[in-house]
Amino acid sequence: IAELGPSGQFGAEAGSIYAFGRPSSTLGPRESALLAAI
């Protein structure tokens, strides 16, 4: 439910797809840290 994008992206899956073009199941340490930082 956390907002993770600039135009209505909510949650890890939508945020990950918007930021990196792939699902949250594939995130590595760096991508995860970048999402946490925003």
PDB file of all heavy atoms in Angstrom:
ATOM      1  N   ILE A   1       0.806  -1.225   0.000  1.00  0.00           N
ATOM      2  CA  ILE A   1       0.000   0.000   0.000  1.00  0.00           C
ATOM      3  C   ILE A   1       0.838   1.274   0.000  1.00  0.00           C
ATOM      4  O   ILE A   1       0.306   2.357  -0.236  1.00  0.00           O
ATOM      5  CB  ILE A   1      -0.993   0.042   1.186  1.00  0.00           C
ATOM      6  CG1 ILE A   1      -0.249   0.023   2.520  1.00  0.00           C
ATOM      7  CG2 ILE A   1      -1.996  -1.091   1.095  1.00  0.00           C
ATOM      8  CD1 ILE A   1      -1.169   0.137   3.728  1.00  0.00           C
ATOM      9  N   ALA A   2       2.143   1.158   0.240  1.00  0.00           N
ATOM     10  CA  ALA A   2       2.997   2.351   0.231  1.00  0.00           C
ATOM     11  C   ALA A   2       3.057   2.935  -1.172  1.00  0.00           C
ATOM     12  O   ALA A   2       3.097   2.205  -2.170  1.00  0.00           O
ATOM     13  CB  ALA A   2       4.398   1.999   0.723  1.00  0.00           C
ATOM     14  N   GLU A   3       3.060   4.247  -1.259  1.00  0.00           N
ATOM     15  CA  GLU A   3       3.172   4.928  -2.553  1.00  0.00           C
ATOM     16  C   GLU A   3       4.617   4.837  -3.025  1.00  0.00           C
ATOM     17  O   GLU A   3       5.534   5.286  -2.342  1.00  0.00           O
ATOM     18  CB  GLU A   3       2.726   6.382  -2.432  1.00  0.00           C
ATOM     19  CG  GLU A   3       2.533   7.082  -3.758  1.00  0.00           C
ATOM     20  CD  GLU A   3       1.967   8.495  -3.608  1.00  0.00           C
ATOM     21  OE1 GLU A   3       1.883   8.981  -2.463  1.00  0.00           O
ATOM     22  OE2 GLU A   3       1.597   9.087  -4.636  1.00  0.00           O
ATOM     23  N   LEU A   4       4.844   4.275  -4.218  1.00  0.00           N
ATOM     24  CA  LEU A   4       6.199   4.027  -4.697  1.00  0.00           C
ATOM     25  C   LEU A   4       6.397   4.475  -6.140  1.00  0.00           C
ATOM     26  O   LEU A   4       7.171   3.881  -6.892  1.00  0.00           O
ATOM     27  CB  LEU A   4       6.539   2.537  -4.566  1.00  0.00           C
ATOM     28  CG  LEU A   4       6.985   2.096  -3.162  1.00  0.00           C
ATOM     29  CD1 LEU A   4       7.047   0.578  -3.059  1.00  0.00           C
ATOM     30  CD2 LEU A   4       8.344   2.700  -2.827  1.00  0.00           C
ATOM     31  N   GLY A   5       5.702   5.533  -6.511  1.00  0.00           N
ATOM     32  CA  GLY A   5       5.876   6.079  -7.850  1.00  0.00           C
ATOM     33  C   GLY A   5       5.241   7.449  -7.939  1.00  0.00           C
ATOM     34  O   GLY A   5       4.418   7.818  -7.098  1.00  0.00           O
ATOM     35  N   PRO A   6       5.585   8.227  -8.971  1.00  0.00           N
ATOM     36  CA  PRO A   6       5.135   9.614  -9.056  1.00  0.00           C
ATOM     37  C   PRO A   6       3.727   9.809  -9.597  1.00  0.00           C
ATOM     38  O   PRO A   6       3.180  10.900  -9.520  1.00  0.00           O
ATOM     39  CB  PRO A   6       6.156  10.242 -10.005  1.00  0.00           C
ATOM     40  CG  PRO A   6       6.538   9.113 -10.914  1.00  0.00           C
ATOM     41  CD  PRO A   6       6.521   7.885 -10.046  1.00  0.00           C
ATOM     42  N   SER A   7       3.137   8.748 -10.165  1.00  0.00           N
ATOM     43  CA  SER A   7       1.826   8.928 -10.797  1.00  0.00           C
ATOM     44  C   SER A   7       0.871   7.800 -10.426  1.00  0.00           C
ATOM     45  O   SER A   7       0.294   7.149 -11.289  1.00  0.00           O
ATOM     46  CB  SER A   7       1.982   9.011 -12.320  1.00  0.00           C
ATOM     47  OG  SER A   7       2.737   7.909 -12.818  1.00  0.00           O
ATOM     48  N   GLY A   8       0.752   7.568  -9.111  1.00  0.00           N
ATOM     49  CA  GLY A   8      -0.229   6.604  -8.632  1.00  0.00           C
ATOM     50  C   GLY A   8       0.249   5.175  -8.569  1.00  0.00           C
ATOM     51  O   GLY A   8      -0.581   4.261  -8.550  1.00  0.00           O
ATOM     52  N   GLN A   9       1.542   4.939  -8.528  1.00  0.00           N
ATOM     53  CA  GLN A   9       2.061   3.583  -8.353  1.00  0.00           C
ATOM     54  C   GLN A   9       2.093   3.252  -6.856  1.00  0.00           C
ATOM     55  O   GLN A   9       2.757   3.945  -6.081  1.00  0.00           O
ATOM     56  CB  GLN A   9       3.470   3.428  -8.939  1.00  0.00           C
ATOM     57  CG  GLN A   9       3.547   3.466 -10.445  1.00  0.00           C
ATOM     58  CD  GLN A   9       3.581   4.875 -11.012  1.00  0.00           C
ATOM     59  OE1 GLN A   9       3.806   5.844 -10.291  1.00  0.00           O
ATOM     60  NE2 GLN A   9       3.376   5.008 -12.314  1.00  0.00           N
ATOM     61  N   PHE A  10       1.382   2.219  -6.475  1.00  0.00           N
ATOM     62  CA  PHE A  10       1.312   1.811  -5.076  1.00  0.00           C
ATOM     63  C   PHE A  10       1.805   0.370  -4.940  1.00  0.00           C
ATOM     64  O   PHE A  10       1.449  -0.502  -5.738  1.00  0.00           O
ATOM     65  CB  PHE A  10      -0.124   1.907  -4.554  1.00  0.00           C
ATOM     66  CG  PHE A  10      -0.620   3.309  -4.377  1.00  0.00           C
ATOM     67  CD1 PHE A  10      -1.179   3.989  -5.446  1.00  0.00           C
ATOM     68  CD2 PHE A  10      -0.521   3.953  -3.154  1.00  0.00           C
ATOM     69  CE1 PHE A  10      -1.647   5.286  -5.296  1.00  0.00           C
ATOM     70  CE2 PHE A  10      -0.971   5.251  -2.994  1.00  0.00           C
ATOM     71  CZ  PHE A  10      -1.537   5.929  -4.067  1.00  0.00           C
ATOM     72  N   GLY A  11       2.606   0.151  -3.931  1.00  0.00           N
ATOM     73  CA  GLY A  11       3.076  -1.189  -3.649  1.00  0.00           C
ATOM     74  C   GLY A  11       4.362  -1.544  -4.370  1.00  0.00           C
ATOM     75  O   GLY A  11       4.760  -0.903  -5.348  1.00  0.00           O
ATOM     76  N   ALA A  12       5.007  -2.608  -3.867  1.00  0.00           N
ATOM     77  CA  ALA A  12       6.311  -3.007  -4.378  1.00  0.00           C
ATOM     78  C   ALA A  12       6.272  -3.400  -5.849  1.00  0.00           C
ATOM     79  O   ALA A  12       7.189  -3.071  -6.613  1.00  0.00           O
ATOM     80  CB  ALA A  12       6.849  -4.168  -3.543  1.00  0.00           C
ATOM     81  N   GLU A  13       5.219  -4.099  -6.262  1.00  0.00           N
ATOM     82  CA  GLU A  13       5.180  -4.598  -7.642  1.00  0.00           C
ATOM     83  C   GLU A  13       5.056  -3.449  -8.646  1.00  0.00           C
ATOM     84  O   GLU A  13       5.833  -3.373  -9.609  1.00  0.00           O
ATOM     85  CB  GLU A  13       4.020  -5.580  -7.801  1.00  0.00           C
ATOM     86  CG  GLU A  13       4.066  -6.379  -9.074  1.00  0.00           C
ATOM     87  CD  GLU A  13       5.142  -7.450  -9.094  1.00  0.00           C
ATOM     88  OE1 GLU A  13       5.949  -7.518  -8.133  1.00  0.00           O
ATOM     89  OE2 GLU A  13       5.195  -8.207 -10.069  1.00  0.00           O
ATOM     90  N   ALA A  14       4.100  -2.564  -8.417  1.00  0.00           N
ATOM     91  CA  ALA A  14       3.930  -1.437  -9.336  1.00  0.00           C
ATOM     92  C   ALA A  14       5.144  -0.518  -9.298  1.00  0.00           C
ATOM     93  O   ALA A  14       5.589  -0.017 -10.338  1.00  0.00           O
ATOM     94  CB  ALA A  14       2.665  -0.656  -8.985  1.00  0.00           C
ATOM     95  N   GLY A  15       5.701  -0.290  -8.114  1.00  0.00           N
ATOM     96  CA  GLY A  15       6.877   0.566  -7.993  1.00  0.00           C
ATOM     97  C   GLY A  15       8.078  -0.013  -8.699  1.00  0.00           C
ATOM     98  O   GLY A  15       8.836   0.702  -9.368  1.00  0.00           O
ATOM     99  N   SER A  16       8.264  -1.322  -8.568  1.00  0.00           N
ATOM    100  CA  SER A  16       9.398  -1.978  -9.210  1.00  0.00           C
ATOM    101  C   SER A  16       9.265  -1.979 -10.726  1.00  0.00           C
ATOM    102  O   SER A  16      10.234  -1.713 -11.454  1.00  0.00           O
ATOM    103  CB  SER A  16       9.510  -3.419  -8.696  1.00  0.00           C
ATOM    104  OG  SER A  16      10.563  -4.098  -9.344  1.00  0.00           O
ATOM    105  N   ILE A  17       8.082  -2.256 -11.215  1.00  0.00           N
ATOM    106  CA  ILE A  17       7.864  -2.271 -12.668  1.00  0.00           C
ATOM    107  C   ILE A  17       8.063  -0.877 -13.248  1.00  0.00           C
ATOM    108  O   ILE A  17       8.678  -0.708 -14.307  1.00  0.00           O
ATOM    109  CB  ILE A  17       6.462  -2.815 -12.986  1.00  0.00           C
ATOM    110  CG1 ILE A  17       6.403  -4.316 -12.662  1.00  0.00           C
ATOM    111  CG2 ILE A  17       6.095  -2.565 -14.448  1.00  0.00           C
ATOM    112  CD1 ILE A  17       5.028  -4.914 -12.768  1.00  0.00           C
ATOM    113  N   TYR A  18       7.572   0.150 -12.538  1.00  0.00           N
ATOM    114  CA  TYR A  18       7.753   1.517 -13.035  1.00  0.00           C
ATOM    115  C   TYR A  18       9.230   1.905 -13.034  1.00  0.00           C
ATOM    116  O   TYR A  18       9.735   2.482 -14.019  1.00  0.00           O
ATOM    117  CB  TYR A  18       6.970   2.504 -12.171  1.00  0.00           C
ATOM    118  CG  TYR A  18       7.259   3.943 -12.537  1.00  0.00           C
ATOM    119  CD1 TYR A  18       6.645   4.535 -13.636  1.00  0.00           C
ATOM    120  CD2 TYR A  18       8.178   4.699 -11.809  1.00  0.00           C
ATOM    121  CE1 TYR A  18       6.940   5.840 -14.005  1.00  0.00           C
ATOM    122  CE2 TYR A  18       8.475   5.999 -12.166  1.00  0.00           C
ATOM    123  CZ  TYR A  18       7.859   6.574 -13.263  1.00  0.00           C
ATOM    124  OH  TYR A  18       8.165   7.861 -13.626  1.00  0.00           O
ATOM    125  N   ALA A  19       9.943   1.607 -11.945  1.00  0.00           N
ATOM    126  CA  ALA A  19      11.322   2.078 -11.810  1.00  0.00           C
ATOM    127  C   ALA A  19      12.308   1.260 -12.638  1.00  0.00           C
ATOM    128  O   ALA A  19      13.231   1.820 -13.253  1.00  0.00           O
ATOM    129  CB  ALA A  19      11.735   2.046 -10.341  1.00  0.00           C
ATOM    130  N   PHE A  20      12.107  -0.069 -12.675  1.00  0.00           N
ATOM    131  CA  PHE A  20      13.128  -0.930 -13.271  1.00  0.00           C
ATOM    132  C   PHE A  20      12.612  -1.811 -14.411  1.00  0.00           C
ATOM    133  O   PHE A  20      13.401  -2.527 -15.031  1.00  0.00           O
ATOM    134  CB  PHE A  20      13.737  -1.827 -12.175  1.00  0.00           C
ATOM    135  CG  PHE A  20      14.187  -1.077 -10.959  1.00  0.00           C
ATOM    136  CD1 PHE A  20      13.566  -1.280  -9.737  1.00  0.00           C
ATOM    137  CD2 PHE A  20      15.209  -0.141 -11.036  1.00  0.00           C
ATOM    138  CE1 PHE A  20      13.961  -0.587  -8.604  1.00  0.00           C
ATOM    139  CE2 PHE A  20      15.621   0.562  -9.919  1.00  0.00           C
ATOM    140  CZ  PHE A  20      14.994   0.348  -8.696  1.00  0.00           C
ATOM    141  N   GLY A  21      11.300  -1.768 -14.664  1.00  0.00           N
ATOM    142  CA  GLY A  21      10.753  -2.551 -15.755  1.00  0.00           C
ATOM    143  C   GLY A  21      10.688  -4.037 -15.491  1.00  0.00           C
ATOM    144  O   GLY A  21      10.574  -4.828 -16.446  1.00  0.00           O
ATOM    145  N   ARG A  22      10.733  -4.441 -14.227  1.00  0.00           N
ATOM    146  CA  ARG A  22      10.653  -5.862 -13.903  1.00  0.00           C
ATOM    147  C   ARG A  22      10.008  -6.058 -12.541  1.00  0.00           C
ATOM    148  O   ARG A  22       9.943  -5.123 -11.739  1.00  0.00           O
ATOM    149  CB  ARG A  22      12.025  -6.523 -13.960  1.00  0.00           C
ATOM    150  CG  ARG A  22      13.134  -5.826 -13.214  1.00  0.00           C
ATOM    151  CD  ARG A  22      14.497  -6.341 -13.707  1.00  0.00           C
ATOM    152  NE  ARG A  22      15.602  -5.657 -13.071  1.00  0.00           N
ATOM    153  CZ  ARG A  22      16.177  -6.069 -11.952  1.00  0.00           C
ATOM    154  NH1 ARG A  22      15.728  -7.153 -11.335  1.00  0.00           N
ATOM    155  NH2 ARG A  22      17.187  -5.405 -11.436  1.00  0.00           N
ATOM    156  N   PRO A  23       9.518  -7.261 -12.260  1.00  0.00           N
ATOM    157  CA  PRO A  23       8.768  -7.488 -11.016  1.00  0.00           C
ATOM    158  C   PRO A  23       9.644  -7.422  -9.775  1.00  0.00           C
ATOM    159  O   PRO A  23      10.869  -7.576  -9.843  1.00  0.00           O
ATOM    160  CB  PRO A  23       8.180  -8.893 -11.210  1.00  0.00           C
ATOM    161  CG  PRO A  23       9.047  -9.537 -12.230  1.00  0.00           C
ATOM    162  CD  PRO A  23       9.509  -8.451 -13.133  1.00  0.00           C
ATOM    163  N   SER A  24       8.980  -7.219  -8.647  1.00  0.00           N
ATOM    164  CA  SER A  24       9.705  -7.059  -7.388  1.00  0.00           C
ATOM    165  C   SER A  24      10.387  -8.346  -6.935  1.00  0.00           C
ATOM    166  O   SER A  24      11.289  -8.306  -6.103  1.00  0.00           O
ATOM    167  CB  SER A  24       8.754  -6.569  -6.295  1.00  0.00           C
ATOM    168  OG  SER A  24       7.680  -7.470  -6.122  1.00  0.00           O
ATOM    169  N   SER A  25       9.982  -9.480  -7.471  1.00  0.00           N
ATOM    170  CA  SER A  25      10.626 -10.741  -7.106  1.00  0.00           C
ATOM    171  C   SER A  25      12.062 -10.819  -7.600  1.00  0.00           C
ATOM    172  O   SER A  25      12.858 -11.619  -7.091  1.00  0.00           O
ATOM    173  CB  SER A  25       9.829 -11.927  -7.671  1.00  0.00           C
ATOM    174  OG  SER A  25       9.751 -11.842  -9.086  1.00  0.00           O
ATOM    175  N   THR A  26      12.419  -9.984  -8.586  1.00  0.00           N
ATOM    176  CA  THR A  26      13.745 -10.050  -9.205  1.00  0.00           C
ATOM    177  C   THR A  26      14.697  -8.987  -8.675  1.00  0.00           C
ATOM    178  O   THR A  26      15.840  -8.915  -9.132  1.00  0.00           O
ATOM    179  CB  THR A  26      13.630  -9.897 -10.732  1.00  0.00           C
ATOM    180  OG1 THR A  26      13.158  -8.571 -11.044  1.00  0.00           O
ATOM    181  CG2 THR A  26      12.658 -10.915 -11.312  1.00  0.00           C
ATOM    182  N   LEU A  27      14.250  -8.165  -7.745  1.00  0.00           N
ATOM    183  CA  LEU A  27      15.082  -7.050  -7.293  1.00  0.00           C
ATOM    184  C   LEU A  27      16.313  -7.536  -6.537  1.00  0.00           C
ATOM    185  O   LEU A  27      16.246  -8.433  -5.710  1.00  0.00           O
ATOM    186  CB  LEU A  27      14.268  -6.124  -6.383  1.00  0.00           C
ATOM    187  CG  LEU A  27      13.105  -5.376  -7.027  1.00  0.00           C
ATOM    188  CD1 LEU A  27      12.401  -4.513  -5.983  1.00  0.00           C
ATOM    189  CD2 LEU A  27      13.579  -4.524  -8.192  1.00  0.00           C
ATOM    190  N   GLY A  28      17.427  -6.896  -6.834  1.00  0.00           N
ATOM    191  CA  GLY A  28      18.645  -7.159  -6.093  1.00  0.00           C
ATOM    192  C   GLY A  28      18.824  -6.150  -4.973  1.00  0.00           C
ATOM    193  O   GLY A  28      17.970  -5.283  -4.744  1.00  0.00           O
ATOM    194  N   PRO A  29      19.942  -6.209  -4.257  1.00  0.00           N
ATOM    195  CA  PRO A  29      20.175  -5.292  -3.134  1.00  0.00           C
ATOM    196  C   PRO A  29      20.146  -3.823  -3.535  1.00  0.00           C
ATOM    197  O   PRO A  29      19.556  -2.999  -2.845  1.00  0.00           O
ATOM    198  CB  PRO A  29      21.560  -5.706  -2.627  1.00  0.00           C
ATOM    199  CG  PRO A  29      21.746  -7.109  -3.099  1.00  0.00           C
ATOM    200  CD  PRO A  29      21.012  -7.206  -4.390  1.00  0.00           C
ATOM    201  N   ARG A  30      20.770  -3.465  -4.655  1.00  0.00           N
ATOM    202  CA  ARG A  30      20.851  -2.057  -5.047  1.00  0.00           C
ATOM    203  C   ARG A  30      19.482  -1.508  -5.411  1.00  0.00           C
ATOM    204  O   ARG A  30      19.101  -0.420  -4.973  1.00  0.00           O
ATOM    205  CB  ARG A  30      21.811  -1.879  -6.218  1.00  0.00           C
ATOM    206  CG  ARG A  30      21.928  -0.424  -6.674  1.00  0.00           C
ATOM    207  CD  ARG A  30      22.898  -0.267  -7.837  1.00  0.00           C
ATOM    208  NE  ARG A  30      22.928   1.120  -8.305  1.00  0.00           N
ATOM    209  CZ  ARG A  30      22.073   1.629  -9.181  1.00  0.00           C
ATOM    210  NH1 ARG A  30      21.095   0.865  -9.667  1.00  0.00           N
ATOM    211  NH2 ARG A  30      22.160   2.894  -9.554  1.00  0.00           N
ATOM    212  N   GLU A  31      18.716  -2.246  -6.236  1.00  0.00           N
ATOM    213  CA  GLU A  31      17.400  -1.774  -6.627  1.00  0.00           C
ATOM    214  C   GLU A  31      16.472  -1.651  -5.423  1.00  0.00           C
ATOM    215  O   GLU A  31      15.686  -0.703  -5.313  1.00  0.00           O
ATOM    216  CB  GLU A  31      16.772  -2.717  -7.664  1.00  0.00           C
ATOM    217  CG  GLU A  31      17.477  -2.741  -9.004  1.00  0.00           C
ATOM    218  CD  GLU A  31      18.550  -3.798  -9.078  1.00  0.00           C
ATOM    219  OE1 GLU A  31      18.880  -4.390  -8.017  1.00  0.00           O
ATOM    220  OE2 GLU A  31      19.060  -4.040 -10.172  1.00  0.00           O
ATOM    221  N   SER A  32      16.567  -2.603  -4.508  1.00  0.00           N
ATOM    222  CA  SER A  32      15.745  -2.555  -3.291  1.00  0.00           C
ATOM    223  C   SER A  32      16.075  -1.329  -2.465  1.00  0.00           C
ATOM    224  O   SER A  32      15.180  -0.651  -1.948  1.00  0.00           O
ATOM    225  CB  SER A  32      15.969  -3.829  -2.470  1.00  0.00           C
ATOM    226  OG  SER A  32      15.572  -4.980  -3.177  1.00  0.00           O
ATOM    227  N   ALA A  33      17.361  -1.026  -2.342  1.00  0.00           N
ATOM    228  CA  ALA A  33      17.773   0.143  -1.578  1.00  0.00           C
ATOM    229  C   ALA A  33      17.306   1.438  -2.241  1.00  0.00           C
ATOM    230  O   ALA A  33      16.931   2.395  -1.561  1.00  0.00           O
ATOM    231  CB  ALA A  33      19.288   0.146  -1.402  1.00  0.00           C
ATOM    232  N   LEU A  34      17.308   1.479  -3.567  1.00  0.00           N
ATOM    233  CA  LEU A  34      16.832   2.665  -4.278  1.00  0.00           C
ATOM    234  C   LEU A  34      15.338   2.881  -4.036  1.00  0.00           C
ATOM    235  O   LEU A  34      14.901   4.020  -3.823  1.00  0.00           O
ATOM    236  CB  LEU A  34      17.112   2.530  -5.779  1.00  0.00           C
ATOM    237  CG  LEU A  34      18.562   2.737  -6.226  1.00  0.00           C
ATOM    238  CD1 LEU A  34      18.735   2.329  -7.681  1.00  0.00           C
ATOM    239  CD2 LEU A  34      18.989   4.191  -6.027  1.00  0.00           C
ATOM    240  N   LEU A  35      14.546   1.813  -4.073  1.00  0.00           N
ATOM    241  CA  LEU A  35      13.119   1.957  -3.795  1.00  0.00           C
ATOM    242  C   LEU A  35      12.892   2.433  -2.360  1.00  0.00           C
ATOM    243  O   LEU A  35      12.032   3.273  -2.109  1.00  0.00           O
ATOM    244  CB  LEU A  35      12.394   0.630  -4.025  1.00  0.00           C
ATOM    245  CG  LEU A  35      11.967   0.295  -5.449  1.00  0.00           C
ATOM    246  CD1 LEU A  35      11.210  -1.030  -5.472  1.00  0.00           C
ATOM    247  CD2 LEU A  35      11.109   1.398  -6.060  1.00  0.00           C
ATOM    248  N   ALA A  36      13.654   1.889  -1.422  1.00  0.00           N
ATOM    249  CA  ALA A  36      13.511   2.311  -0.028  1.00  0.00           C
ATOM    250  C   ALA A  36      13.869   3.787   0.140  1.00  0.00           C
ATOM    251  O   ALA A  36      13.269   4.491   0.961  1.00  0.00           O
ATOM    252  CB  ALA A  36      14.393   1.449   0.877  1.00  0.00           C
ATOM    253  N   ALA A  37      14.829   4.259  -0.647  1.00  0.00           N
ATOM    254  CA  ALA A  37      15.296   5.638  -0.512  1.00  0.00           C
ATOM    255  C   ALA A  37      14.271   6.668  -0.960  1.00  0.00           C
ATOM    256  O   ALA A  37      14.343   7.833  -0.562  1.00  0.00           O
ATOM    257  CB  ALA A  37      16.597   5.828  -1.295  1.00  0.00           C
ATOM    258  N   ILE A  38      13.296   6.269  -1.791  1.00  0.00           N
ATOM    259  CA  ILE A  38      12.304   7.246  -2.273  1.00  0.00           C
ATOM    260  C   ILE A  38      11.043   7.268  -1.421  1.00  0.00           C
ATOM    261  O   ILE A  38      10.148   8.089  -1.655  1.00  0.00           O
ATOM    262  CB  ILE A  38      11.922   6.985  -3.747  1.00  0.00           C
ATOM    263  CG1 ILE A  38      11.087   5.703  -3.889  1.00  0.00           C
ATOM    264  CG2 ILE A  38      13.166   6.937  -4.625  1.00  0.00           C
ATOM    265  CD1 ILE A  38      10.461   5.529  -5.259  1.00  0.00           C
TER     266      ILE A  38
END
